[in-house]
Amino acid sequence: MTSRRAAIFLIAMGFSAVASASGASALDYPTRPVRFVVGYPAGGATDILARLIGQRLSERLGQNFVIENKPGAGNNIGTEYVANAEPDGYTVFLVNPANFINATLYTDLRFNFIRDIAAVASFTRVPNVMTVAPGVPAKTVAEFIAYVKANPGKVNMASSGNGTSVHLSGEMFMAMTGAKMEHIPYKGAAPAITDMLGDRVQVIFDNMPSIVQHIHSGALRALAVTTATRSPELPDVPALAETVPGYEASALFGMGAPKKTPPEIIAKLNQEINAVLAEPEMKKRLTELGGEPLISTPEAFGAMIAAETEKWGKVVTSAGLKID
């Protein structure tokens, strides 16, 4: 009996030690560099944002948040890599609009984003900008809708590729207004904007960071931003919802981690990210990129992810889009 009590005591002490070690590791986290995966090449808007946040986390936490670019398959390669990574807090991921769109767009994903990735913290929402070429006479959204309907089959809508948020923002616009356009997909925003400048295509719903310089220079004309409210970067440009009630299409960014990452580590990362987002200099930089800090809890960010996935799923289904 005594030996049995001793065994039970030792087992209990073992569990206690494991729990204590786990708690200590969460409190001490991070004790080595953290891999911050981005599912796109270096230099793009997602990569810029990850480096901006990652640098401040490195400075605050004393360990490098090392950006690892894993592009391919419309962001799916990077996402799958993180979904299968060790859930120890040392692999995190830049959550971006492709994650919400691809859940419905792709038929053969080997992961389920909502099931396999834990929400850590939101970063920002960035609007797309409904922008028209120089030769388009419309000066407002209402005038543009009338222009499209008066010129059936003659108005081309550019995008940075099939299934991108740029493409689907336009698909949502067509579905909500009945203004049907021809979709012209490009391999990225740069060639699409080149053809916009040359009047070869008439409209694009592009991400603000890649098109705002052409708007400020006067080379292209912004008709609306796609967020529910106006953007501080383009305060004189109306929100599309002011003409098309209920329209909202924004690029939501944040951090995710493998699903079973310890909640203590997720909480610590969330706290540190929110502190970074509250810094005046960070708010200034995010505004320059077209967004504003979006401070939230992991639970609130998870709810945003679910809502975005549902919204874009409806658009993908309505447009009849699929990638095998």
C-alpha atoms as a PDB file:
ATOM      1  CA  MET A   1       0.000   0.000   0.000  1.00  0.00           C
ATOM      2  CA  THR A   2       2.832   2.346   0.928  1.00  0.00           C
ATOM      3  CA  SER A   3       4.641   1.684  -2.324  1.00  0.00           C
ATOM      4  CA  ARG A   4       1.383   2.293  -4.244  1.00  0.00           C
ATOM      5  CA  ARG A   5       0.889   5.662  -2.484  1.00  0.00           C
ATOM      6  CA  ALA A   6       4.485   6.541  -3.266  1.00  0.00           C
ATOM      7  CA  ALA A   7       4.006   5.688  -6.928  1.00  0.00           C
ATOM      8  CA  ILE A   8       0.852   7.797  -7.154  1.00  0.00           C
ATOM      9  CA  PHE A   9       2.688  10.661  -5.426  1.00  0.00           C
ATOM     10  CA  LEU A  10       5.598  10.440  -7.838  1.00  0.00           C
ATOM     11  CA  ILE A  11       3.275  10.335 -10.860  1.00  0.00           C
ATOM     12  CA  ALA A  12       1.383  13.381  -9.551  1.00  0.00           C
ATOM     13  CA  MET A  13       4.667  15.186  -8.958  1.00  0.00           C
ATOM     14  CA  GLY A  14       5.687  14.328 -12.528  1.00  0.00           C
ATOM     15  CA  PHE A  15       2.515  15.825 -13.981  1.00  0.00           C
ATOM     16  CA  SER A  16       2.986  18.899 -11.808  1.00  0.00           C
ATOM     17  CA  ALA A  17       6.547  19.305 -13.031  1.00  0.00           C
ATOM     18  CA  VAL A  18       5.445  19.013 -16.657  1.00  0.00           C
ATOM     19  CA  ALA A  19       2.691  21.586 -16.121  1.00  0.00           C
ATOM     20  CA  SER A  20       5.128  23.889 -14.336  1.00  0.00           C
ATOM     21  CA  ALA A  21       7.684  23.542 -17.123  1.00  0.00           C
ATOM     22  CA  SER A  22       5.002  24.250 -19.706  1.00  0.00           C
ATOM     23  CA  GLY A  23       3.910  27.371 -17.852  1.00  0.00           C
ATOM     24  CA  ALA A  24       7.510  28.509 -17.475  1.00  0.00           C
ATOM     25  CA  SER A  25       8.220  27.978 -21.168  1.00  0.00           C
ATOM     26  CA  ALA A  26       5.177  30.076 -22.066  1.00  0.00           C
ATOM     27  CA  LEU A  27       6.291  32.842 -19.704  1.00  0.00           C
ATOM     28  CA  ASP A  28       9.864  32.742 -21.035  1.00  0.00           C
ATOM     29  CA  TYR A  29       8.743  32.535 -24.681  1.00  0.00           C
ATOM     30  CA  PRO A  30      10.444  33.069 -27.025  1.00  0.00           C
ATOM     31  CA  THR A  31      13.827  31.605 -26.139  1.00  0.00           C
ATOM     32  CA  ARG A  32      14.945  31.188 -29.767  1.00  0.00           C
ATOM     33  CA  PRO A  33      14.119  32.732 -33.172  1.00  0.00           C
ATOM     34  CA  VAL A  34      10.542  32.481 -34.440  1.00  0.00           C
ATOM     35  CA  ARG A  35       9.809  31.520 -38.041  1.00  0.00           C
ATOM     36  CA  PHE A  36       7.261  33.986 -39.538  1.00  0.00           C
ATOM     37  CA  VAL A  37       5.944  32.425 -42.759  1.00  0.00           C
ATOM     38  CA  VAL A  38       4.619  34.547 -45.630  1.00  0.00           C
ATOM     39  CA  GLY A  39       2.915  32.727 -48.517  1.00  0.00           C
ATOM     40  CA  TYR A  40       4.130  35.220 -51.131  1.00  0.00           C
ATOM     41  CA  PRO A  41       7.485  36.370 -52.564  1.00  0.00           C
ATOM     42  CA  ALA A  42       9.531  39.082 -50.880  1.00  0.00           C
ATOM     43  CA  GLY A  43       8.679  42.680 -51.703  1.00  0.00           C
ATOM     44  CA  GLY A  44       4.894  42.496 -51.968  1.00  0.00           C
ATOM     45  CA  ALA A  45       2.339  44.116 -49.660  1.00  0.00           C
ATOM     46  CA  THR A  46       2.013  41.003 -47.458  1.00  0.00           C
ATOM     47  CA  ASP A  47       5.778  40.667 -47.104  1.00  0.00           C
ATOM     48  CA  ILE A  48       6.162  44.366 -46.245  1.00  0.00           C
ATOM     49  CA  LEU A  49       3.535  44.092 -43.519  1.00  0.00           C
ATOM     50  CA  ALA A  50       5.077  40.942 -42.021  1.00  0.00           C
ATOM     51  CA  ARG A  51       8.514  42.562 -41.885  1.00  0.00           C
ATOM     52  CA  LEU A  52       7.090  45.710 -40.314  1.00  0.00           C
ATOM     53  CA  ILE A  53       5.361  43.816 -37.484  1.00  0.00           C
ATOM     54  CA  GLY A  54       8.085  41.178 -37.200  1.00  0.00           C
ATOM     55  CA  GLN A  55      10.818  43.780 -36.674  1.00  0.00           C
ATOM     56  CA  ARG A  56       9.007  45.353 -33.734  1.00  0.00           C
ATOM     57  CA  LEU A  57       8.263  41.959 -32.181  1.00  0.00           C
ATOM     58  CA  SER A  58      11.947  41.075 -32.487  1.00  0.00           C
ATOM     59  CA  GLU A  59      12.880  44.281 -30.663  1.00  0.00           C
ATOM     60  CA  ARG A  60      10.270  43.852 -27.938  1.00  0.00           C
ATOM     61  CA  LEU A  61      10.769  40.133 -27.265  1.00  0.00           C
ATOM     62  CA  GLY A  62      14.529  39.864 -27.763  1.00  0.00           C
ATOM     63  CA  GLN A  63      14.374  37.072 -30.347  1.00  0.00           C
ATOM     64  CA  ASN A  64      14.311  37.431 -34.123  1.00  0.00           C
ATOM     65  CA  PHE A  65      11.047  36.908 -35.970  1.00  0.00           C
ATOM     66  CA  VAL A  66      12.592  35.610 -39.181  1.00  0.00           C
ATOM     67  CA  ILE A  67      10.500  36.106 -42.315  1.00  0.00           C
ATOM     68  CA  GLU A  68      10.360  32.961 -44.465  1.00  0.00           C
ATOM     69  CA  ASN A  69       8.773  33.470 -47.870  1.00  0.00           C
ATOM     70  CA  LYS A  70       7.071  30.291 -49.111  1.00  0.00           C
ATOM     71  CA  PRO A  71       5.207  31.398 -52.250  1.00  0.00           C
ATOM     72  CA  GLY A  72       3.161  29.254 -54.580  1.00  0.00           C
ATOM     73  CA  ALA A  73      -0.325  27.883 -55.285  1.00  0.00           C
ATOM     74  CA  GLY A  74      -1.991  31.164 -54.413  1.00  0.00           C
ATOM     75  CA  ASN A  75      -0.615  31.223 -50.840  1.00  0.00           C
ATOM     76  CA  ASN A  76      -1.542  27.570 -50.164  1.00  0.00           C
ATOM     77  CA  ILE A  77       2.028  26.248 -49.930  1.00  0.00           C
ATOM     78  CA  GLY A  78       2.881  28.543 -47.033  1.00  0.00           C
ATOM     79  CA  THR A  79      -0.435  27.878 -45.311  1.00  0.00           C
ATOM     80  CA  GLU A  80      -0.076  24.097 -45.534  1.00  0.00           C
ATOM     81  CA  TYR A  81       3.480  24.313 -44.210  1.00  0.00           C
ATOM     82  CA  VAL A  82       2.297  26.132 -41.083  1.00  0.00           C
ATOM     83  CA  ALA A  83      -0.758  23.894 -40.630  1.00  0.00           C
ATOM     84  CA  ASN A  84       1.637  20.921 -40.395  1.00  0.00           C
ATOM     85  CA  ALA A  85       4.311  22.648 -38.296  1.00  0.00           C
ATOM     86  CA  GLU A  86       5.082  21.863 -34.659  1.00  0.00           C
ATOM     87  CA  PRO A  87       2.578  23.828 -32.518  1.00  0.00           C
ATOM     88  CA  ASP A  88       5.202  25.242 -30.170  1.00  0.00           C
ATOM     89  CA  GLY A  89       4.958  28.961 -30.929  1.00  0.00           C
ATOM     90  CA  TYR A  90       8.076  28.981 -33.090  1.00  0.00           C
ATOM     91  CA  THR A  91       6.227  28.922 -36.411  1.00  0.00           C
ATOM     92  CA  VAL A  92       3.646  31.629 -37.133  1.00  0.00           C
ATOM     93  CA  PHE A  93       1.923  32.771 -40.303  1.00  0.00           C
ATOM     94  CA  LEU A  94       0.774  35.964 -42.010  1.00  0.00           C
ATOM     95  CA  VAL A  95      -2.988  35.525 -42.393  1.00  0.00           C
ATOM     96  CA  ASN A  96      -4.213  37.312 -45.539  1.00  0.00           C
ATOM     97  CA  PRO A  97      -7.276  37.481 -47.836  1.00  0.00           C
ATOM     98  CA  ALA A  98      -6.218  34.470 -49.932  1.00  0.00           C
ATOM     99  CA  ASN A  99      -6.833  32.238 -46.919  1.00  0.00           C
ATOM    100  CA  PHE A 100     -10.515  33.219 -46.806  1.00  0.00           C
ATOM    101  CA  ILE A 101     -11.008  33.015 -50.578  1.00  0.00           C
ATOM    102  CA  ASN A 102      -9.098  29.769 -51.184  1.00  0.00           C
ATOM    103  CA  ALA A 103     -11.260  27.829 -48.731  1.00  0.00           C
ATOM    104  CA  THR A 104     -13.976  27.767 -51.401  1.00  0.00           C
ATOM    105  CA  LEU A 105     -11.979  28.496 -54.558  1.00  0.00           C
ATOM    106  CA  TYR A 106      -9.725  25.400 -54.392  1.00  0.00           C
ATOM    107  CA  THR A 107     -11.271  21.943 -54.499  1.00  0.00           C
ATOM    108  CA  ASP A 108      -8.285  19.856 -53.373  1.00  0.00           C
ATOM    109  CA  LEU A 109      -6.742  21.615 -50.366  1.00  0.00           C
ATOM    110  CA  ARG A 110      -4.927  19.296 -47.962  1.00  0.00           C
ATOM    111  CA  PHE A 111      -5.821  21.509 -45.008  1.00  0.00           C
ATOM    112  CA  ASN A 112      -8.800  23.371 -43.600  1.00  0.00           C
ATOM    113  CA  PHE A 113      -7.723  26.886 -42.683  1.00  0.00           C
ATOM    114  CA  ILE A 114     -10.260  27.512 -39.912  1.00  0.00           C
ATOM    115  CA  ARG A 115      -9.732  24.034 -38.432  1.00  0.00           C
ATOM    116  CA  ASP A 116      -5.936  23.894 -38.711  1.00  0.00           C
ATOM    117  CA  ILE A 117      -4.778  27.471 -38.000  1.00  0.00           C
ATOM    118  CA  ALA A 118      -5.293  29.240 -34.673  1.00  0.00           C
ATOM    119  CA  ALA A 119      -6.080  32.959 -34.759  1.00  0.00           C
ATOM    120  CA  VAL A 120      -3.428  34.946 -32.847  1.00  0.00           C
ATOM    121  CA  ALA A 121      -4.011  38.644 -33.565  1.00  0.00           C
ATOM    122  CA  SER A 122      -5.359  40.935 -36.258  1.00  0.00           C
ATOM    123  CA  PHE A 123      -3.072  43.579 -37.782  1.00  0.00           C
ATOM    124  CA  THR A 124      -5.106  45.770 -40.118  1.00  0.00           C
ATOM    125  CA  ARG A 125      -7.800  46.020 -42.778  1.00  0.00           C
ATOM    126  CA  VAL A 126      -6.712  47.567 -46.074  1.00  0.00           C
ATOM    127  CA  PRO A 127      -9.227  48.728 -48.696  1.00  0.00           C
ATOM    128  CA  ASN A 128      -9.085  48.027 -52.360  1.00  0.00           C
ATOM    129  CA  VAL A 129      -9.655  51.061 -54.556  1.00  0.00           C
ATOM    130  CA  MET A 130     -12.111  51.133 -57.447  1.00  0.00           C
ATOM    131  CA  THR A 131      -9.958  52.950 -59.979  1.00  0.00           C
ATOM    132  CA  VAL A 132     -10.707  53.849 -63.603  1.00  0.00           C
ATOM    133  CA  ALA A 133      -8.482  54.482 -66.606  1.00  0.00           C
ATOM    134  CA  PRO A 134      -7.971  58.021 -67.995  1.00  0.00           C
ATOM    135  CA  GLY A 135     -10.335  57.453 -70.924  1.00  0.00           C
ATOM    136  CA  VAL A 136     -13.334  56.486 -68.767  1.00  0.00           C
ATOM    137  CA  PRO A 137     -15.736  59.475 -68.619  1.00  0.00           C
ATOM    138  CA  ALA A 138     -17.430  58.501 -65.329  1.00  0.00           C
ATOM    139  CA  LYS A 139     -16.515  60.636 -62.329  1.00  0.00           C
ATOM    140  CA  THR A 140     -18.650  58.795 -59.749  1.00  0.00           C
ATOM    141  CA  VAL A 141     -19.665  55.216 -58.989  1.00  0.00           C
ATOM    142  CA  ALA A 142     -23.243  55.913 -60.130  1.00  0.00           C
ATOM    143  CA  GLU A 143     -21.977  57.355 -63.423  1.00  0.00           C
ATOM    144  CA  PHE A 144     -19.705  54.327 -63.894  1.00  0.00           C
ATOM    145  CA  ILE A 145     -22.593  51.881 -63.373  1.00  0.00           C
ATOM    146  CA  ALA A 146     -24.620  53.781 -65.970  1.00  0.00           C
ATOM    147  CA  TYR A 147     -21.606  53.828 -68.328  1.00  0.00           C
ATOM    148  CA  VAL A 148     -21.148  50.038 -68.093  1.00  0.00           C
ATOM    149  CA  LYS A 149     -24.836  49.356 -68.678  1.00  0.00           C
ATOM    150  CA  ALA A 150     -24.830  51.693 -71.685  1.00  0.00           C
ATOM    151  CA  ASN A 151     -21.807  49.905 -73.180  1.00  0.00           C
ATOM    152  CA  PRO A 152     -22.486  46.167 -72.834  1.00  0.00           C
ATOM    153  CA  GLY A 153     -19.492  43.961 -73.565  1.00  0.00           C
ATOM    154  CA  LYS A 154     -17.151  46.940 -73.975  1.00  0.00           C
ATOM    155  CA  VAL A 155     -15.893  47.555 -70.436  1.00  0.00           C
ATOM    156  CA  ASN A 156     -12.951  45.420 -69.255  1.00  0.00           C
ATOM    157  CA  MET A 157     -12.172  44.850 -65.575  1.00  0.00           C
ATOM    158  CA  ALA A 158      -8.526  44.102 -64.831  1.00  0.00           C
ATOM    159  CA  SER A 159      -7.293  42.071 -61.876  1.00  0.00           C
ATOM    160  CA  SER A 160      -4.021  40.739 -60.496  1.00  0.00           C
ATOM    161  CA  GLY A 161      -5.180  37.168 -61.186  1.00  0.00           C
ATOM    162  CA  ASN A 162      -8.090  34.765 -60.992  1.00  0.00           C
ATOM    163  CA  GLY A 163      -9.449  34.351 -57.492  1.00  0.00           C
ATOM    164  CA  THR A 164      -7.527  37.255 -55.928  1.00  0.00           C
ATOM    165  CA  SER A 165      -9.267  39.773 -53.670  1.00  0.00           C
ATOM    166  CA  VAL A 166      -8.836  42.267 -56.536  1.00  0.00           C
ATOM    167  CA  HIS A 167     -10.797  39.980 -58.852  1.00  0.00           C
ATOM    168  CA  LEU A 168     -13.481  39.060 -56.323  1.00  0.00           C
ATOM    169  CA  SER A 169     -14.023  42.668 -55.249  1.00  0.00           C
ATOM    170  CA  GLY A 170     -15.017  43.308 -58.867  1.00  0.00           C
ATOM    171  CA  GLU A 171     -17.183  40.189 -59.003  1.00  0.00           C
ATOM    172  CA  MET A 172     -19.026  41.369 -55.886  1.00  0.00           C
ATOM    173  CA  PHE A 173     -19.540  44.791 -57.484  1.00  0.00           C
ATOM    174  CA  MET A 174     -21.006  43.211 -60.621  1.00  0.00           C
ATOM    175  CA  ALA A 175     -23.305  40.941 -58.601  1.00  0.00           C
ATOM    176  CA  MET A 176     -24.614  43.818 -56.468  1.00  0.00           C
ATOM    177  CA  THR A 177     -25.091  46.364 -59.281  1.00  0.00           C
ATOM    178  CA  GLY A 178     -25.897  44.307 -62.375  1.00  0.00           C
ATOM    179  CA  ALA A 179     -23.106  46.156 -64.208  1.00  0.00           C
ATOM    180  CA  LYS A 180     -21.537  43.284 -66.171  1.00  0.00           C
ATOM    181  CA  MET A 181     -17.922  43.609 -67.331  1.00  0.00           C
ATOM    182  CA  GLU A 182     -15.332  41.377 -69.008  1.00  0.00           C
ATOM    183  CA  HIS A 183     -12.755  40.110 -66.518  1.00  0.00           C
ATOM    184  CA  ILE A 184      -9.145  40.346 -67.727  1.00  0.00           C
ATOM    185  CA  PRO A 185      -6.770  38.569 -65.290  1.00  0.00           C
ATOM    186  CA  TYR A 186      -3.078  39.504 -65.226  1.00  0.00           C
ATOM    187  CA  LYS A 187      -0.077  37.899 -63.558  1.00  0.00           C
ATOM    188  CA  GLY A 188       0.131  40.504 -60.828  1.00  0.00           C
ATOM    189  CA  ALA A 189      -0.906  44.101 -60.283  1.00  0.00           C
ATOM    190  CA  ALA A 190       1.994  45.748 -62.141  1.00  0.00           C
ATOM    191  CA  PRO A 191       1.078  44.621 -65.706  1.00  0.00           C
ATOM    192  CA  ALA A 192      -2.603  45.293 -64.991  1.00  0.00           C
ATOM    193  CA  ILE A 193      -1.834  48.871 -63.961  1.00  0.00           C
ATOM    194  CA  THR A 194       0.356  49.344 -67.044  1.00  0.00           C
ATOM    195  CA  ASP A 195      -2.616  48.478 -69.243  1.00  0.00           C
ATOM    196  CA  MET A 196      -4.876  50.706 -67.134  1.00  0.00           C
ATOM    197  CA  LEU A 197      -2.550  53.638 -67.790  1.00  0.00           C
ATOM    198  CA  GLY A 198      -2.734  52.868 -71.522  1.00  0.00           C
ATOM    199  CA  ASP A 199      -6.573  52.669 -71.549  1.00  0.00           C
ATOM    200  CA  ARG A 200      -6.464  49.010 -72.645  1.00  0.00           C
ATOM    201  CA  VAL A 201      -8.634  48.072 -69.648  1.00  0.00           C
ATOM    202  CA  GLN A 202     -11.102  50.380 -67.957  1.00  0.00           C
ATOM    203  CA  VAL A 203     -11.335  49.568 -64.230  1.00  0.00           C
ATOM    204  CA  ILE A 204      -9.540  47.722 -61.446  1.00  0.00           C
ATOM    205  CA  PHE A 205     -10.373  47.112 -57.779  1.00  0.00           C
ATOM    206  CA  ASP A 206      -6.725  47.073 -56.755  1.00  0.00           C
ATOM    207  CA  ASN A 207      -5.044  46.888 -53.342  1.00  0.00           C
ATOM    208  CA  MET A 208      -4.343  50.412 -52.167  1.00  0.00           C
ATOM    209  CA  PRO A 209      -0.551  50.069 -51.627  1.00  0.00           C
ATOM    210  CA  SER A 210       0.123  49.171 -55.274  1.00  0.00           C
ATOM    211  CA  ILE A 211      -2.127  51.776 -56.919  1.00  0.00           C
ATOM    212  CA  VAL A 212      -2.241  54.773 -54.584  1.00  0.00           C
ATOM    213  CA  GLN A 213       0.826  56.464 -56.136  1.00  0.00           C
ATOM    214  CA  HIS A 214      -0.909  56.527 -59.533  1.00  0.00           C
ATOM    215  CA  ILE A 215      -3.998  58.048 -57.914  1.00  0.00           C
ATOM    216  CA  HIS A 216      -1.995  60.732 -56.111  1.00  0.00           C
ATOM    217  CA  SER A 217      -0.150  61.595 -59.339  1.00  0.00           C
ATOM    218  CA  GLY A 218      -3.438  61.990 -61.221  1.00  0.00           C
ATOM    219  CA  ALA A 219      -2.563  59.308 -63.785  1.00  0.00           C
ATOM    220  CA  LEU A 220      -5.560  57.202 -62.673  1.00  0.00           C
ATOM    221  CA  ARG A 221      -8.836  58.254 -61.039  1.00  0.00           C
ATOM    222  CA  ALA A 222     -10.217  56.681 -57.863  1.00  0.00           C
ATOM    223  CA  LEU A 223     -14.003  56.417 -57.722  1.00  0.00           C
ATOM    224  CA  ALA A 224     -14.338  54.668 -54.359  1.00  0.00           C
ATOM    225  CA  VAL A 225     -12.631  52.669 -51.638  1.00  0.00           C
ATOM    226  CA  THR A 226     -14.080  49.257 -50.876  1.00  0.00           C
ATOM    227  CA  THR A 227     -14.096  49.427 -47.074  1.00  0.00           C
ATOM    228  CA  ALA A 228     -17.328  50.333 -45.282  1.00  0.00           C
ATOM    229  CA  THR A 229     -15.949  53.778 -44.435  1.00  0.00           C
ATOM    230  CA  ARG A 230     -13.550  56.206 -46.106  1.00  0.00           C
ATOM    231  CA  SER A 231      -9.790  55.747 -45.839  1.00  0.00           C
ATOM    232  CA  PRO A 232      -7.532  58.301 -44.112  1.00  0.00           C
ATOM    233  CA  GLU A 233      -5.094  57.872 -47.022  1.00  0.00           C
ATOM    234  CA  LEU A 234      -7.771  59.016 -49.533  1.00  0.00           C
ATOM    235  CA  PRO A 235     -10.173  61.066 -47.394  1.00  0.00           C
ATOM    236  CA  ASP A 236     -11.898  62.717 -50.366  1.00  0.00           C
ATOM    237  CA  VAL A 237     -12.688  59.402 -52.058  1.00  0.00           C
ATOM    238  CA  PRO A 238     -16.100  58.005 -51.038  1.00  0.00           C
ATOM    239  CA  ALA A 239     -16.700  54.499 -49.773  1.00  0.00           C
ATOM    240  CA  LEU A 240     -18.361  52.324 -52.391  1.00  0.00           C
ATOM    241  CA  ALA A 241     -21.101  51.549 -49.862  1.00  0.00           C
ATOM    242  CA  GLU A 242     -22.219  55.183 -50.092  1.00  0.00           C
ATOM    243  CA  THR A 243     -23.567  54.299 -53.558  1.00  0.00           C
ATOM    244  CA  VAL A 244     -23.991  50.516 -53.245  1.00  0.00           C
ATOM    245  CA  PRO A 245     -25.387  49.897 -49.743  1.00  0.00           C
ATOM    246  CA  GLY A 246     -23.929  46.856 -48.009  1.00  0.00           C
ATOM    247  CA  TYR A 247     -20.831  46.619 -50.189  1.00  0.00           C
ATOM    248  CA  GLU A 248     -17.665  45.884 -48.198  1.00  0.00           C
ATOM    249  CA  ALA A 249     -14.493  44.284 -49.478  1.00  0.00           C
ATOM    250  CA  SER A 250     -11.296  44.749 -47.541  1.00  0.00           C
ATOM    251  CA  ALA A 251      -8.026  42.909 -47.114  1.00  0.00           C
ATOM    252  CA  LEU A 252      -7.832  41.568 -43.545  1.00  0.00           C
ATOM    253  CA  PHE A 253      -4.344  40.746 -42.259  1.00  0.00           C
ATOM    254  CA  GLY A 254      -3.103  39.212 -39.034  1.00  0.00           C
ATOM    255  CA  MET A 255      -1.099  36.420 -37.461  1.00  0.00           C
ATOM    256  CA  GLY A 256      -2.006  32.737 -37.202  1.00  0.00           C
ATOM    257  CA  ALA A 257      -0.248  29.693 -35.741  1.00  0.00           C
ATOM    258  CA  PRO A 258      -0.642  25.902 -35.850  1.00  0.00           C
ATOM    259  CA  LYS A 259      -3.921  24.960 -34.159  1.00  0.00           C
ATOM    260  CA  LYS A 260      -2.569  23.354 -30.982  1.00  0.00           C
ATOM    261  CA  THR A 261      -0.137  26.150 -30.123  1.00  0.00           C
ATOM    262  CA  PRO A 262      -0.347  26.666 -26.322  1.00  0.00           C
ATOM    263  CA  PRO A 263      -2.953  29.311 -25.414  1.00  0.00           C
ATOM    264  CA  GLU A 264      -0.449  31.023 -23.095  1.00  0.00           C
ATOM    265  CA  ILE A 265       1.864  31.650 -26.060  1.00  0.00           C
ATOM    266  CA  ILE A 266      -1.002  32.859 -28.245  1.00  0.00           C
ATOM    267  CA  ALA A 267      -2.058  35.238 -25.459  1.00  0.00           C
ATOM    268  CA  LYS A 268       1.486  36.584 -25.103  1.00  0.00           C
ATOM    269  CA  LEU A 269       1.840  37.157 -28.850  1.00  0.00           C
ATOM    270  CA  ASN A 270      -1.569  38.839 -28.957  1.00  0.00           C
ATOM    271  CA  GLN A 271      -0.598  41.157 -26.106  1.00  0.00           C
ATOM    272  CA  GLU A 272       2.713  42.097 -27.749  1.00  0.00           C
ATOM    273  CA  ILE A 273       1.159  42.642 -31.194  1.00  0.00           C
ATOM    274  CA  ASN A 274      -1.557  44.868 -29.738  1.00  0.00           C
ATOM    275  CA  ALA A 275       1.120  46.903 -27.954  1.00  0.00           C
ATOM    276  CA  VAL A 276       2.983  47.317 -31.264  1.00  0.00           C
ATOM    277  CA  LEU A 277      -0.206  48.379 -33.057  1.00  0.00           C
ATOM    278  CA  ALA A 278      -0.825  51.037 -30.387  1.00  0.00           C
ATOM    279  CA  GLU A 279       2.498  52.764 -31.111  1.00  0.00           C
ATOM    280  CA  PRO A 280       2.086  56.119 -32.917  1.00  0.00           C
ATOM    281  CA  GLU A 281       4.831  55.307 -35.435  1.00  0.00           C
ATOM    282  CA  MET A 282       3.215  51.983 -36.307  1.00  0.00           C
ATOM    283  CA  LYS A 283      -0.166  53.665 -36.794  1.00  0.00           C
ATOM    284  CA  LYS A 284       1.514  56.155 -39.136  1.00  0.00           C
ATOM    285  CA  ARG A 285       3.151  53.372 -41.188  1.00  0.00           C
ATOM    286  CA  LEU A 286      -0.069  51.357 -41.445  1.00  0.00           C
ATOM    287  CA  THR A 287      -1.945  54.475 -42.574  1.00  0.00           C
ATOM    288  CA  GLU A 288       0.656  54.974 -45.295  1.00  0.00           C
ATOM    289  CA  LEU A 289      -0.069  51.401 -46.427  1.00  0.00           C
ATOM    290  CA  GLY A 290      -3.774  52.249 -46.601  1.00  0.00           C
ATOM    291  CA  GLY A 291      -5.037  50.721 -43.366  1.00  0.00           C
ATOM    292  CA  GLU A 292      -5.289  51.397 -39.659  1.00  0.00           C
ATOM    293  CA  PRO A 293      -4.330  49.318 -36.600  1.00  0.00           C
ATOM    294  CA  LEU A 294      -6.915  46.634 -35.829  1.00  0.00           C
ATOM    295  CA  ILE A 295      -6.499  45.682 -32.168  1.00  0.00           C
ATOM    296  CA  SER A 296      -8.437  42.603 -31.069  1.00  0.00           C
ATOM    297  CA  THR A 297      -8.405  39.421 -29.019  1.00  0.00           C
ATOM    298  CA  PRO A 298      -7.602  36.033 -30.598  1.00  0.00           C
ATOM    299  CA  GLU A 299     -11.304  35.140 -30.289  1.00  0.00           C
ATOM    300  CA  ALA A 300     -12.410  38.321 -32.071  1.00  0.00           C
ATOM    301  CA  PHE A 301      -9.875  37.759 -34.853  1.00  0.00           C
ATOM    302  CA  GLY A 302     -11.119  34.186 -35.211  1.00  0.00           C
ATOM    303  CA  ALA A 303     -14.666  35.511 -35.647  1.00  0.00           C
ATOM    304  CA  MET A 304     -13.423  37.926 -38.335  1.00  0.00           C
ATOM    305  CA  ILE A 305     -11.733  35.037 -40.168  1.00  0.00           C
ATOM    306  CA  ALA A 306     -14.944  32.998 -40.097  1.00  0.00           C
ATOM    307  CA  ALA A 307     -16.997  35.955 -41.373  1.00  0.00           C
ATOM    308  CA  GLU A 308     -14.537  36.707 -44.193  1.00  0.00           C
ATOM    309  CA  THR A 309     -14.433  33.043 -45.231  1.00  0.00           C
ATOM    310  CA  GLU A 310     -18.226  32.913 -45.391  1.00  0.00           C
ATOM    311  CA  LYS A 311     -18.479  36.208 -47.324  1.00  0.00           C
ATOM    312  CA  TRP A 312     -15.897  35.326 -49.969  1.00  0.00           C
ATOM    313  CA  GLY A 313     -17.263  31.794 -50.226  1.00  0.00           C
ATOM    314  CA  LYS A 314     -20.584  33.249 -51.374  1.00  0.00           C
ATOM    315  CA  VAL A 315     -18.845  35.446 -53.968  1.00  0.00           C
ATOM    316  CA  VAL A 316     -16.782  32.524 -55.312  1.00  0.00           C
ATOM    317  CA  THR A 317     -19.872  30.332 -55.553  1.00  0.00           C
ATOM    318  CA  SER A 318     -21.972  33.082 -57.171  1.00  0.00           C
ATOM    319  CA  ALA A 319     -19.280  33.720 -59.790  1.00  0.00           C
ATOM    320  CA  GLY A 320     -18.896  29.984 -60.483  1.00  0.00           C
ATOM    321  CA  LEU A 321     -15.147  30.003 -59.817  1.00  0.00           C
ATOM    322  CA  LYS A 322     -13.154  26.842 -59.079  1.00  0.00           C
ATOM    323  CA  ILE A 323      -9.487  25.839 -59.187  1.00  0.00           C
ATOM    324  CA  ASP A 324      -8.600  22.139 -59.085  1.00  0.00           C
END
